[in-house]
Amino acid sequence: MTNWIESITGSFEQKKQYKRHAARIDALPEPYDAAAKALLRYFHYSGGITDGATLVTMVGDLADLWEQAAVDGTPVREIVGDDPVEFAETFVQAYIGKKWIDKERARLTEAIEDAERGQR
């Protein structure tokens, strides 16, 4: 039964790991929790990562980064730099896992190639 449910909803273990990492972010002191939550929100909207293992790893690494910054007292701006969007997008690019757009890119390329063959 579990295998059938997980095939639809995703791995229960990955969900548990994700929730543990999210709880670590929630436990960060200000202003680190606000910065980490803002980045996490951005990742969900812009990252497009559909591979659960990749997402869990990325969120765990995000929690590690901000926990260490909090321990060291590193200023938020020193972590994200002058452009938080650039930081976020560079961070996500480090996680090469599957993205929802990958399938659409392949479909577009194939459709254009099919159209091109039809013109010959």
PDB file of N, CA and C in Angstrom:
ATOM      1  N   MET A   1       0.821  -1.190   0.000  1.00  0.00           N
ATOM      2  CA  MET A   1       0.000   0.000   0.000  1.00  0.00           C
ATOM      3  C   MET A   1       0.869   1.260   0.000  1.00  0.00           C
ATOM      4  N   THR A   2       1.925   1.265   0.809  1.00  0.00           N
ATOM      5  CA  THR A   2       2.791   2.440   0.915  1.00  0.00           C
ATOM      6  C   THR A   2       3.416   2.784  -0.434  1.00  0.00           C
ATOM      7  N   ASN A   3       3.889   1.772  -1.161  1.00  0.00           N
ATOM      8  CA  ASN A   3       4.514   2.032  -2.460  1.00  0.00           C
ATOM      9  C   ASN A   3       3.555   2.721  -3.411  1.00  0.00           C
ATOM     10  N   TRP A   4       2.299   2.307  -3.414  1.00  0.00           N
ATOM     11  CA  TRP A   4       1.295   2.910  -4.286  1.00  0.00           C
ATOM     12  C   TRP A   4       1.071   4.368  -3.917  1.00  0.00           C
ATOM     13  N   ILE A   5       0.941   4.649  -2.639  1.00  0.00           N
ATOM     14  CA  ILE A   5       0.723   6.025  -2.181  1.00  0.00           C
ATOM     15  C   ILE A   5       1.945   6.884  -2.484  1.00  0.00           C
ATOM     16  N   GLU A   6       3.127   6.361  -2.194  1.00  0.00           N
ATOM     17  CA  GLU A   6       4.352   7.124  -2.456  1.00  0.00           C
ATOM     18  C   GLU A   6       4.561   7.388  -3.940  1.00  0.00           C
ATOM     19  N   SER A   7       4.072   6.513  -4.789  1.00  0.00           N
ATOM     20  CA  SER A   7       4.217   6.764  -6.224  1.00  0.00           C
ATOM     21  C   SER A   7       3.406   7.987  -6.657  1.00  0.00           C
ATOM     22  N   ILE A   8       2.382   8.315  -5.908  1.00  0.00           N
ATOM     23  CA  ILE A   8       1.553   9.489  -6.217  1.00  0.00           C
ATOM     24  C   ILE A   8       2.042  10.722  -5.455  1.00  0.00           C
ATOM     25  N   THR A   9       2.318  10.554  -4.176  1.00  0.00           N
ATOM     26  CA  THR A   9       2.638  11.709  -3.326  1.00  0.00           C
ATOM     27  C   THR A   9       4.120  11.986  -3.170  1.00  0.00           C
ATOM     28  N   GLY A  10       4.965  11.035  -3.502  1.00  0.00           N
ATOM     29  CA  GLY A  10       6.399  11.177  -3.277  1.00  0.00           C
ATOM     30  C   GLY A  10       6.806  10.429  -2.018  1.00  0.00           C
ATOM     31  N   SER A  11       8.091  10.350  -1.803  1.00  0.00           N
ATOM     32  CA  SER A  11       8.655   9.589  -0.694  1.00  0.00           C
ATOM     33  C   SER A  11       8.291  10.187   0.657  1.00  0.00           C
ATOM     34  N   PHE A  12       7.785   9.354   1.546  1.00  0.00           N
ATOM     35  CA  PHE A  12       7.475   9.805   2.903  1.00  0.00           C
ATOM     36  C   PHE A  12       8.750  10.212   3.633  1.00  0.00           C
ATOM     37  N   GLU A  13       9.824   9.470   3.406  1.00  0.00           N
ATOM     38  CA  GLU A  13      11.090   9.785   4.073  1.00  0.00           C
ATOM     39  C   GLU A  13      11.603  11.150   3.626  1.00  0.00           C
ATOM     40  N   GLN A  14      11.480  11.457   2.348  1.00  0.00           N
ATOM     41  CA  GLN A  14      11.903  12.774   1.868  1.00  0.00           C
ATOM     42  C   GLN A  14      11.053  13.883   2.482  1.00  0.00           C
ATOM     43  N   LYS A  15       9.775  13.638   2.630  1.00  0.00           N
ATOM     44  CA  LYS A  15       8.901  14.634   3.257  1.00  0.00           C
ATOM     45  C   LYS A  15       9.325  14.880   4.708  1.00  0.00           C
ATOM     46  N   LYS A  16       9.671  13.809   5.414  1.00  0.00           N
ATOM     47  CA  LYS A  16      10.128  13.942   6.799  1.00  0.00           C
ATOM     48  C   LYS A  16      11.435  14.731   6.859  1.00  0.00           C
ATOM     49  N   GLN A  17      12.366  14.425   5.961  1.00  0.00           N
ATOM     50  CA  GLN A  17      13.640  15.148   5.926  1.00  0.00           C
ATOM     51  C   GLN A  17      13.410  16.622   5.621  1.00  0.00           C
ATOM     52  N   TYR A  18      12.547  16.893   4.652  1.00  0.00           N
ATOM     53  CA  TYR A  18      12.239  18.277   4.296  1.00  0.00           C
ATOM     54  C   TYR A  18      11.671  19.026   5.504  1.00  0.00           C
ATOM     55  N   LYS A  19      10.753  18.398   6.210  1.00  0.00           N
ATOM     56  CA  LYS A  19      10.148  19.040   7.385  1.00  0.00           C
ATOM     57  C   LYS A  19      11.180  19.286   8.484  1.00  0.00           C
ATOM     58  N   ARG A  20      12.133  18.368   8.639  1.00  0.00           N
ATOM     59  CA  ARG A  20      13.196  18.577   9.633  1.00  0.00           C
ATOM     60  C   ARG A  20      14.057  19.779   9.247  1.00  0.00           C
ATOM     61  N   HIS A  21      14.405  19.879   7.975  1.00  0.00           N
ATOM     62  CA  HIS A  21      15.207  21.024   7.511  1.00  0.00           C
ATOM     63  C   HIS A  21      14.418  22.335   7.655  1.00  0.00           C
ATOM     64  N   ALA A  22      13.138  22.300   7.314  1.00  0.00           N
ATOM     65  CA  ALA A  22      12.304  23.500   7.446  1.00  0.00           C
ATOM     66  C   ALA A  22      12.185  23.915   8.915  1.00  0.00           C
ATOM     67  N   ALA A  23      12.115  22.945   9.808  1.00  0.00           N
ATOM     68  CA  ALA A  23      12.060  23.251  11.243  1.00  0.00           C
ATOM     69  C   ALA A  23      13.365  23.897  11.709  1.00  0.00           C
ATOM     70  N   ARG A  24      14.478  23.464  11.141  1.00  0.00           N
ATOM     71  CA  ARG A  24      15.769  24.091  11.474  1.00  0.00           C
ATOM     72  C   ARG A  24      15.772  25.554  11.035  1.00  0.00           C
ATOM     73  N   ILE A  25      15.212  25.824   9.873  1.00  0.00           N
ATOM     74  CA  ILE A  25      15.119  27.203   9.395  1.00  0.00           C
ATOM     75  C   ILE A  25      14.198  28.013  10.303  1.00  0.00           C
ATOM     76  N   ASP A  26      13.077  27.425  10.704  1.00  0.00           N
ATOM     77  CA  ASP A  26      12.145  28.112  11.612  1.00  0.00           C
ATOM     78  C   ASP A  26      12.794  28.448  12.951  1.00  0.00           C
ATOM     79  N   ALA A  27      13.756  27.630  13.368  1.00  0.00           N
ATOM     80  CA  ALA A  27      14.398  27.819  14.671  1.00  0.00           C
ATOM     81  C   ALA A  27      15.538  28.838  14.655  1.00  0.00           C
ATOM     82  N   LEU A  28      15.892  29.330  13.487  1.00  0.00           N
ATOM     83  CA  LEU A  28      16.982  30.307  13.401  1.00  0.00           C
ATOM     84  C   LEU A  28      16.598  31.609  14.099  1.00  0.00           C
ATOM     85  N   PRO A  29      17.573  32.294  14.676  1.00  0.00           N
ATOM     86  CA  PRO A  29      17.280  33.602  15.268  1.00  0.00           C
ATOM     87  C   PRO A  29      17.118  34.661  14.168  1.00  0.00           C
ATOM     88  N   GLU A  30      16.467  35.751  14.527  1.00  0.00           N
ATOM     89  CA  GLU A  30      16.358  36.892  13.607  1.00  0.00           C
ATOM     90  C   GLU A  30      17.748  37.474  13.408  1.00  0.00           C
ATOM     91  N   PRO A  31      18.098  37.980  12.299  1.00  0.00           N
ATOM     92  CA  PRO A  31      17.375  38.114  11.039  1.00  0.00           C
ATOM     93  C   PRO A  31      17.601  36.932  10.104  1.00  0.00           C
ATOM     94  N   TYR A  32      18.322  35.912  10.585  1.00  0.00           N
ATOM     95  CA  TYR A  32      18.679  34.782   9.730  1.00  0.00           C
ATOM     96  C   TYR A  32      17.456  33.972   9.315  1.00  0.00           C
ATOM     97  N   ASP A  33      16.496  33.826  10.216  1.00  0.00           N
ATOM     98  CA  ASP A  33      15.290  33.076   9.848  1.00  0.00           C
ATOM     99  C   ASP A  33      14.519  33.796   8.753  1.00  0.00           C
ATOM    100  N   ALA A  34      14.424  35.108   8.836  1.00  0.00           N
ATOM    101  CA  ALA A  34      13.696  35.871   7.819  1.00  0.00           C
ATOM    102  C   ALA A  34      14.379  35.748   6.452  1.00  0.00           C
ATOM    103  N   ALA A  35      15.689  35.831   6.439  1.00  0.00           N
ATOM    104  CA  ALA A  35      16.423  35.713   5.177  1.00  0.00           C
ATOM    105  C   ALA A  35      16.285  34.311   4.593  1.00  0.00           C
ATOM    106  N   ALA A  36      16.450  33.293   5.419  1.00  0.00           N
ATOM    107  CA  ALA A  36      16.358  31.913   4.949  1.00  0.00           C
ATOM    108  C   ALA A  36      14.949  31.600   4.451  1.00  0.00           C
ATOM    109  N   LYS A  37      13.932  32.074   5.166  1.00  0.00           N
ATOM    110  CA  LYS A  37      12.547  31.835   4.739  1.00  0.00           C
ATOM    111  C   LYS A  37      12.243  32.548   3.429  1.00  0.00           C
ATOM    112  N   ALA A  38      12.772  33.748   3.260  1.00  0.00           N
ATOM    113  CA  ALA A  38      12.563  34.479   2.007  1.00  0.00           C
ATOM    114  C   ALA A  38      13.209  33.728   0.843  1.00  0.00           C
ATOM    115  N   LEU A  39      14.409  33.220   1.061  1.00  0.00           N
ATOM    116  CA  LEU A  39      15.080  32.447   0.008  1.00  0.00           C
ATOM    117  C   LEU A  39      14.313  31.161  -0.303  1.00  0.00           C
ATOM    118  N   LEU A  40      13.879  30.481   0.740  1.00  0.00           N
ATOM    119  CA  LEU A  40      13.139  29.238   0.537  1.00  0.00           C
ATOM    120  C   LEU A  40      11.863  29.497  -0.256  1.00  0.00           C
ATOM    121  N   ARG A  41      11.150  30.552   0.064  1.00  0.00           N
ATOM    122  CA  ARG A  41       9.940  30.925  -0.671  1.00  0.00           C
ATOM    123  C   ARG A  41      10.288  31.187  -2.144  1.00  0.00           C
ATOM    124  N   TYR A  42      11.360  31.916  -2.374  1.00  0.00           N
ATOM    125  CA  TYR A  42      11.800  32.208  -3.741  1.00  0.00           C
ATOM    126  C   TYR A  42      12.137  30.916  -4.486  1.00  0.00           C
ATOM    127  N   PHE A  43      12.824  30.000  -3.816  1.00  0.00           N
ATOM    128  CA  PHE A  43      13.184  28.733  -4.444  1.00  0.00           C
ATOM    129  C   PHE A  43      11.941  27.962  -4.889  1.00  0.00           C
ATOM    130  N   HIS A  44      10.916  27.985  -4.056  1.00  0.00           N
ATOM    131  CA  HIS A  44       9.692  27.260  -4.395  1.00  0.00           C
ATOM    132  C   HIS A  44       9.009  27.855  -5.625  1.00  0.00           C
ATOM    133  N   TYR A  45       9.042  29.158  -5.739  1.00  0.00           N
ATOM    134  CA  TYR A  45       8.389  29.804  -6.874  1.00  0.00           C
ATOM    135  C   TYR A  45       9.233  29.795  -8.135  1.00  0.00           C
ATOM    136  N   SER A  46      10.530  29.930  -7.998  1.00  0.00           N
ATOM    137  CA  SER A  46      11.358  30.083  -9.191  1.00  0.00           C
ATOM    138  C   SER A  46      12.228  28.880  -9.511  1.00  0.00           C
ATOM    139  N   GLY A  47      12.527  28.067  -8.518  1.00  0.00           N
ATOM    140  CA  GLY A  47      13.487  26.986  -8.726  1.00  0.00           C
ATOM    141  C   GLY A  47      13.007  25.917  -9.678  1.00  0.00           C
ATOM    142  N   GLY A  48      11.751  25.543  -9.585  1.00  0.00           N
ATOM    143  CA  GLY A  48      11.203  24.536 -10.475  1.00  0.00           C
ATOM    144  C   GLY A  48      11.778  23.149 -10.287  1.00  0.00           C
ATOM    145  N   ILE A  49      12.360  22.877  -9.152  1.00  0.00           N
ATOM    146  CA  ILE A  49      12.946  21.558  -8.916  1.00  0.00           C
ATOM    147  C   ILE A  49      11.829  20.580  -8.578  1.00  0.00           C
ATOM    148  N   THR A  50      11.768  19.492  -9.321  1.00  0.00           N
ATOM    149  CA  THR A  50      10.726  18.497  -9.091  1.00  0.00           C
ATOM    150  C   THR A  50      11.263  17.221  -8.469  1.00  0.00           C
ATOM    151  N   ASP A  51      12.557  17.057  -8.454  1.00  0.00           N
ATOM    152  CA  ASP A  51      13.178  15.870  -7.879  1.00  0.00           C
ATOM    153  C   ASP A  51      13.248  16.040  -6.367  1.00  0.00           C
ATOM    154  N   GLY A  52      12.551  15.176  -5.633  1.00  0.00           N
ATOM    155  CA  GLY A  52      12.467  15.303  -4.181  1.00  0.00           C
ATOM    156  C   GLY A  52      13.806  15.243  -3.478  1.00  0.00           C
ATOM    157  N   ALA A  53      14.672  14.333  -3.898  1.00  0.00           N
ATOM    158  CA  ALA A  53      15.978  14.192  -3.246  1.00  0.00           C
ATOM    159  C   ALA A  53      16.800  15.463  -3.408  1.00  0.00           C
ATOM    160  N   THR A  54      16.740  16.069  -4.589  1.00  0.00           N
ATOM    161  CA  THR A  54      17.482  17.299  -4.846  1.00  0.00           C
ATOM    162  C   THR A  54      16.943  18.428  -3.975  1.00  0.00           C
ATOM    163  N   LEU A  55      15.635  18.538  -3.894  1.00  0.00           N
ATOM    164  CA  LEU A  55      15.016  19.588  -3.084  1.00  0.00           C
ATOM    165  C   LEU A  55      15.386  19.432  -1.613  1.00  0.00           C
ATOM    166  N   VAL A  56      15.352  18.215  -1.104  1.00  0.00           N
ATOM    167  CA  VAL A  56      15.699  17.965   0.298  1.00  0.00           C
ATOM    168  C   VAL A  56      17.156  18.354   0.560  1.00  0.00           C
ATOM    169  N   THR A  57      18.042  17.987  -0.338  1.00  0.00           N
ATOM    170  CA  THR A  57      19.452  18.344  -0.189  1.00  0.00           C
ATOM    171  C   THR A  57      19.628  19.853  -0.190  1.00  0.00           C
ATOM    172  N   MET A  58      18.969  20.527  -1.121  1.00  0.00           N
ATOM    173  CA  MET A  58      19.094  21.974  -1.231  1.00  0.00           C
ATOM    174  C   MET A  58      18.604  22.673   0.039  1.00  0.00           C
ATOM    175  N   VAL A  59      17.464  22.256   0.565  1.00  0.00           N
ATOM    176  CA  VAL A  59      16.921  22.884   1.775  1.00  0.00           C
ATOM    177  C   VAL A  59      17.810  22.586   2.975  1.00  0.00           C
ATOM    178  N   GLY A  60      18.366  21.388   3.032  1.00  0.00           N
ATOM    179  CA  GLY A  60      19.304  21.062   4.103  1.00  0.00           C
ATOM    180  C   GLY A  60      20.550  21.932   4.045  1.00  0.00           C
ATOM    181  N   ASP A  61      21.059  22.144   2.842  1.00  0.00           N
ATOM    182  CA  ASP A  61      22.231  23.007   2.674  1.00  0.00           C
ATOM    183  C   ASP A  61      21.905  24.459   3.017  1.00  0.00           C
ATOM    184  N   LEU A  62      20.708  24.891   2.678  1.00  0.00           N
ATOM    185  CA  LEU A  62      20.277  26.249   3.035  1.00  0.00           C
ATOM    186  C   LEU A  62      20.230  26.403   4.557  1.00  0.00           C
ATOM    187  N   ALA A  63      19.674  25.412   5.235  1.00  0.00           N
ATOM    188  CA  ALA A  63      19.630  25.448   6.698  1.00  0.00           C
ATOM    189  C   ALA A  63      21.048  25.462   7.282  1.00  0.00           C
ATOM    190  N   ASP A  64      21.933  24.637   6.740  1.00  0.00           N
ATOM    191  CA  ASP A  64      23.331  24.619   7.198  1.00  0.00           C
ATOM    192  C   ASP A  64      23.977  25.994   7.054  1.00  0.00           C
ATOM    193  N   LEU A  65      23.792  26.604   5.887  1.00  0.00           N
ATOM    194  CA  LEU A  65      24.383  27.907   5.606  1.00  0.00           C
ATOM    195  C   LEU A  65      23.952  28.946   6.637  1.00  0.00           C
ATOM    196  N   TRP A  66      22.651  29.020   6.902  1.00  0.00           N
ATOM    197  CA  TRP A  66      22.151  30.060   7.807  1.00  0.00           C
ATOM    198  C   TRP A  66      22.406  29.736   9.271  1.00  0.00           C
ATOM    199  N   GLU A  67      22.443  28.451   9.618  1.00  0.00           N
ATOM    200  CA  GLU A  67      22.822  28.092  10.987  1.00  0.00           C
ATOM    201  C   GLU A  67      24.260  28.527  11.257  1.00  0.00           C
ATOM    202  N   GLN A  68      25.152  28.272  10.314  1.00  0.00           N
ATOM    203  CA  GLN A  68      26.554  28.658  10.491  1.00  0.00           C
ATOM    204  C   GLN A  68      26.700  30.176  10.531  1.00  0.00           C
ATOM    205  N   ALA A  69      25.964  30.866   9.675  1.00  0.00           N
ATOM    206  CA  ALA A  69      26.009  32.332   9.672  1.00  0.00           C
ATOM    207  C   ALA A  69      25.540  32.881  11.019  1.00  0.00           C
ATOM    208  N   ALA A  70      24.509  32.274  11.593  1.00  0.00           N
ATOM    209  CA  ALA A  70      23.998  32.716  12.890  1.00  0.00           C
ATOM    210  C   ALA A  70      25.035  32.480  13.988  1.00  0.00           C
ATOM    211  N   VAL A  71      25.672  31.320  13.959  1.00  0.00           N
ATOM    212  CA  VAL A  71      26.698  31.006  14.957  1.00  0.00           C
ATOM    213  C   VAL A  71      27.864  31.987  14.852  1.00  0.00           C
ATOM    214  N   ASP A  72      28.278  32.282  13.618  1.00  0.00           N
ATOM    215  CA  ASP A  72      29.420  33.170  13.396  1.00  0.00           C
ATOM    216  C   ASP A  72      29.059  34.649  13.509  1.00  0.00           C
ATOM    217  N   GLY A  73      27.766  34.962  13.489  1.00  0.00           N
ATOM    218  CA  GLY A  73      27.336  36.355  13.512  1.00  0.00           C
ATOM    219  C   GLY A  73      27.598  37.078  12.191  1.00  0.00           C
ATOM    220  N   THR A  74      27.641  36.316  11.105  1.00  0.00           N
ATOM    221  CA  THR A  74      27.890  36.895   9.781  1.00  0.00           C
ATOM    222  C   THR A  74      26.686  37.726   9.351  1.00  0.00           C
ATOM    223  N   PRO A  75      26.902  38.963   8.924  1.00  0.00           N
ATOM    224  CA  PRO A  75      25.772  39.781   8.465  1.00  0.00           C
ATOM    225  C   PRO A  75      25.074  39.147   7.252  1.00  0.00           C
ATOM    226  N   VAL A  76      23.766  39.289   7.201  1.00  0.00           N
ATOM    227  CA  VAL A  76      22.969  38.721   6.113  1.00  0.00           C
ATOM    228  C   VAL A  76      23.495  39.182   4.760  1.00  0.00           C
ATOM    229  N   ARG A  77      23.770  40.475   4.633  1.00  0.00           N
ATOM    230  CA  ARG A  77      24.232  41.024   3.356  1.00  0.00           C
ATOM    231  C   ARG A  77      25.567  40.426   2.941  1.00  0.00           C
ATOM    232  N   GLU A  78      26.366  40.028   3.905  1.00  0.00           N
ATOM    233  CA  GLU A  78      27.644  39.396   3.574  1.00  0.00           C
ATOM    234  C   GLU A  78      27.416  38.031   2.931  1.00  0.00           C
ATOM    235  N   ILE A  79      26.323  37.393   3.265  1.00  0.00           N
ATOM    236  CA  ILE A  79      25.985  36.093   2.681  1.00  0.00           C
ATOM    237  C   ILE A  79      25.389  36.276   1.290  1.00  0.00           C
ATOM    238  N   VAL A  80      24.368  37.105   1.166  1.00  0.00           N
ATOM    239  CA  VAL A  80      23.634  37.215  -0.104  1.00  0.00           C
ATOM    240  C   VAL A  80      24.212  38.240  -1.065  1.00  0.00           C
ATOM    241  N   GLY A  81      25.065  39.136  -0.578  1.00  0.00           N
ATOM    242  CA  GLY A  81      25.650  40.152  -1.448  1.00  0.00           C
ATOM    243  C   GLY A  81      24.673  41.267  -1.779  1.00  0.00           C
ATOM    244  N   ASP A  82      25.026  42.052  -2.777  1.00  0.00           N
ATOM    245  CA  ASP A  82      24.208  43.206  -3.162  1.00  0.00           C
ATOM    246  C   ASP A  82      22.922  42.822  -3.881  1.00  0.00           C
ATOM    247  N   ASP A  83      22.919  41.665  -4.538  1.00  0.00           N
ATOM    248  CA  ASP A  83      21.755  41.247  -5.317  1.00  0.00           C
ATOM    249  C   ASP A  83      21.237  39.900  -4.807  1.00  0.00           C
ATOM    250  N   PRO A  84      20.234  39.919  -3.930  1.00  0.00           N
ATOM    251  CA  PRO A  84      19.713  38.666  -3.373  1.00  0.00           C
ATOM    252  C   PRO A  84      19.140  37.729  -4.435  1.00  0.00           C
ATOM    253  N   VAL A  85      18.584  38.285  -5.509  1.00  0.00           N
ATOM    254  CA  VAL A  85      18.039  37.441  -6.576  1.00  0.00           C
ATOM    255  C   VAL A  85      19.160  36.667  -7.263  1.00  0.00           C
ATOM    256  N   GLU A  86      20.255  37.345  -7.551  1.00  0.00           N
ATOM    257  CA  GLU A  86      21.395  36.671  -8.165  1.00  0.00           C
ATOM    258  C   GLU A  86      21.924  35.576  -7.244  1.00  0.00           C
ATOM    259  N   PHE A  87      22.010  35.874  -5.942  1.00  0.00           N
ATOM    260  CA  PHE A  87      22.459  34.869  -4.979  1.00  0.00           C
ATOM    261  C   PHE A  87      21.542  33.654  -5.028  1.00  0.00           C
ATOM    262  N   ALA A  88      20.227  33.897  -4.971  1.00  0.00           N
ATOM    263  CA  ALA A  88      19.252  32.806  -4.948  1.00  0.00           C
ATOM    264  C   ALA A  88      19.343  31.958  -6.216  1.00  0.00           C
ATOM    265  N   GLU A  89      19.445  32.607  -7.349  1.00  0.00           N
ATOM    266  CA  GLU A  89      19.482  31.861  -8.602  1.00  0.00           C
ATOM    267  C   GLU A  89      20.790  31.089  -8.770  1.00  0.00           C
ATOM    268  N   THR A  90      21.876  31.648  -8.286  1.00  0.00           N
ATOM    269  CA  THR A  90      23.155  30.932  -8.314  1.00  0.00           C
ATOM    270  C   THR A  90      23.101  29.734  -7.369  1.00  0.00           C
ATOM    271  N   PHE A  91      22.512  29.928  -6.199  1.00  0.00           N
ATOM    272  CA  PHE A  91      22.371  28.845  -5.226  1.00  0.00           C
ATOM    273  C   PHE A  91      21.588  27.682  -5.843  1.00  0.00           C
ATOM    274  N   VAL A  92      20.458  27.976  -6.463  1.00  0.00           N
ATOM    275  CA  VAL A  92      19.618  26.932  -7.057  1.00  0.00           C
ATOM    276  C   VAL A  92      20.350  26.213  -8.188  1.00  0.00           C
ATOM    277  N   GLN A  93      21.121  26.937  -8.969  1.00  0.00           N
ATOM    278  CA  GLN A  93      21.825  26.326 -10.094  1.00  0.00           C
ATOM    279  C   GLN A  93      22.827  25.261  -9.649  1.00  0.00           C
ATOM    280  N   ALA A  94      23.258  25.332  -8.408  1.00  0.00           N
ATOM    281  CA  ALA A  94      24.191  24.334  -7.891  1.00  0.00           C
ATOM    282  C   ALA A  94      23.531  22.962  -7.719  1.00  0.00           C
ATOM    283  N   TYR A  95      22.209  22.928  -7.805  1.00  0.00           N
ATOM    284  CA  TYR A  95      21.447  21.690  -7.609  1.00  0.00           C
ATOM    285  C   TYR A  95      20.850  21.293  -8.949  1.00  0.00           C
ATOM    286  N   ILE A  96      21.567  20.497  -9.658  1.00  0.00           N
ATOM    287  CA  ILE A  96      21.276  20.204 -11.053  1.00  0.00           C
ATOM    288  C   ILE A  96      20.075  19.283 -11.246  1.00  0.00           C
ATOM    289  N   GLY A  97      19.463  18.803 -10.224  1.00  0.00           N
ATOM    290  CA  GLY A  97      18.368  17.847 -10.374  1.00  0.00           C
ATOM    291  C   GLY A  97      17.358  18.236 -11.434  1.00  0.00           C
ATOM    292  N   LYS A  98      16.435  17.347 -11.702  1.00  0.00           N
ATOM    293  CA  LYS A  98      15.408  17.588 -12.704  1.00  0.00           C
ATOM    294  C   LYS A  98      14.558  18.788 -12.326  1.00  0.00           C
ATOM    295  N   LYS A  99      14.218  19.563 -13.337  1.00  0.00           N
ATOM    296  CA  LYS A  99      13.311  20.689 -13.155  1.00  0.00           C
ATOM    297  C   LYS A  99      12.120  20.474 -14.074  1.00  0.00           C
ATOM    298  N   TRP A 100      10.982  21.018 -13.709  1.00  0.00           N
ATOM    299  CA  TRP A 100       9.775  20.815 -14.502  1.00  0.00           C
ATOM    300  C   TRP A 100       9.960  21.338 -15.924  1.00  0.00           C
ATOM    301  N   ILE A 101      10.734  22.359 -16.100  1.00  0.00           N
ATOM    302  CA  ILE A 101      10.906  22.962 -17.419  1.00  0.00           C
ATOM    303  C   ILE A 101      11.747  22.092 -18.350  1.00  0.00           C
ATOM    304  N   ASP A 102      12.541  21.185 -17.804  1.00  0.00           N
ATOM    305  CA  ASP A 102      13.387  20.329 -18.633  1.00  0.00           C
ATOM    306  C   ASP A 102      12.557  19.551 -19.653  1.00  0.00           C
ATOM    307  N   LYS A 103      11.420  19.002 -19.213  1.00  0.00           N
ATOM    308  CA  LYS A 103      10.553  18.238 -20.114  1.00  0.00           C
ATOM    309  C   LYS A 103      10.004  19.143 -21.214  1.00  0.00           C
ATOM    310  N   GLU A 104       9.613  20.352 -20.851  1.00  0.00           N
ATOM    311  CA  GLU A 104       9.061  21.275 -21.847  1.00  0.00           C
ATOM    312  C   GLU A 104      10.125  21.753 -22.829  1.00  0.00           C
ATOM    313  N   ARG A 105      11.333  21.936 -22.358  1.00  0.00           N
ATOM    314  CA  ARG A 105      12.427  22.302 -23.263  1.00  0.00           C
ATOM    315  C   ARG A 105      12.650  21.200 -24.295  1.00  0.00           C
ATOM    316  N   ALA A 106      12.651  19.956 -23.838  1.00  0.00           N
ATOM    317  CA  ALA A 106      12.830  18.821 -24.749  1.00  0.00           C
ATOM    318  C   ALA A 106      11.677  18.750 -25.746  1.00  0.00           C
ATOM    319  N   ARG A 107      10.457  18.973 -25.271  1.00  0.00           N
ATOM    320  CA  ARG A 107       9.297  18.963 -26.171  1.00  0.00           C
ATOM    321  C   ARG A 107       9.395  20.062 -27.224  1.00  0.00           C
ATOM    322  N   LEU A 108       9.795  21.255 -26.807  1.00  0.00           N
ATOM    323  CA  LEU A 108       9.927  22.370 -27.744  1.00  0.00           C
ATOM    324  C   LEU A 108      10.971  22.054 -28.806  1.00  0.00           C
ATOM    325  N   THR A 109      12.119  21.566 -28.373  1.00  0.00           N
ATOM    326  CA  THR A 109      13.184  21.228 -29.319  1.00  0.00           C
ATOM    327  C   THR A 109      12.705  20.170 -30.309  1.00  0.00           C
ATOM    328  N   GLU A 110      12.044  19.150 -29.806  1.00  0.00           N
ATOM    329  CA  GLU A 110      11.540  18.083 -30.678  1.00  0.00           C
ATOM    330  C   GLU A 110      10.485  18.616 -31.652  1.00  0.00           C
ATOM    331  N   ALA A 111       9.593  19.474 -31.192  1.00  0.00           N
ATOM    332  CA  ALA A 111       8.558  20.039 -32.065  1.00  0.00           C
ATOM    333  C   ALA A 111       9.165  20.877 -33.181  1.00  0.00           C
ATOM    334  N   ILE A 112      10.178  21.673 -32.852  1.00  0.00           N
ATOM    335  CA  ILE A 112      10.833  22.495 -33.874  1.00  0.00           C
ATOM    336  C   ILE A 112      11.567  21.603 -34.875  1.00  0.00           C
ATOM    337  N   GLU A 113      12.222  20.564 -34.386  1.00  0.00           N
ATOM    338  CA  GLU A 113      12.909  19.637 -35.293  1.00  0.00           C
ATOM    339  C   GLU A 113      11.908  18.925 -36.203  1.00  0.00           C
ATOM    340  N   ASP A 114      10.760  18.526 -35.658  1.00  0.00           N
ATOM    341  CA  ASP A 114       9.711  17.893 -36.467  1.00  0.00           C
ATOM    342  C   ASP A 114       9.194  18.872 -37.530  1.00  0.00           C
ATOM    343  N   ALA A 115       8.974  20.121 -37.137  1.00  0.00           N
ATOM    344  CA  ALA A 115       8.500  21.132 -38.076  1.00  0.00           C
ATOM    345  C   ALA A 115       9.527  21.356 -39.180  1.00  0.00           C
ATOM    346  N   GLU A 116      10.776  21.387 -38.801  1.00  0.00           N
ATOM    347  CA  GLU A 116      11.852  21.585 -39.769  1.00  0.00           C
ATOM    348  C   GLU A 116      11.901  20.430 -40.771  1.00  0.00           C
ATOM    349  N   ARG A 117      11.752  19.210 -40.285  1.00  0.00           N
ATOM    350  CA  ARG A 117      11.751  18.040 -41.172  1.00  0.00           C
ATOM    351  C   ARG A 117      10.575  18.109 -42.153  1.00  0.00           C
ATOM    352  N   GLY A 118       9.467  18.671 -41.704  1.00  0.00           N
ATOM    353  CA  GLY A 118       8.287  18.791 -42.572  1.00  0.00           C
ATOM    354  C   GLY A 118       8.481  19.790 -43.704  1.00  0.00           C
ATOM    355  N   GLN A 119       9.435  20.679 -43.582  1.00  0.00           N
ATOM    356  CA  GLN A 119       9.694  21.669 -44.623  1.00  0.00           C
ATOM    357  C   GLN A 119      10.646  21.152 -45.685  1.00  0.00           C
ATOM    358  N   ARG A 120      11.271  20.068 -45.478  1.00  0.00           N
ATOM    359  CA  ARG A 120      12.263  19.543 -46.435  1.00  0.00           C
ATOM    360  C   ARG A 120      11.595  18.786 -47.548  1.00  0.00           C
TER     361      ARG A 120
END
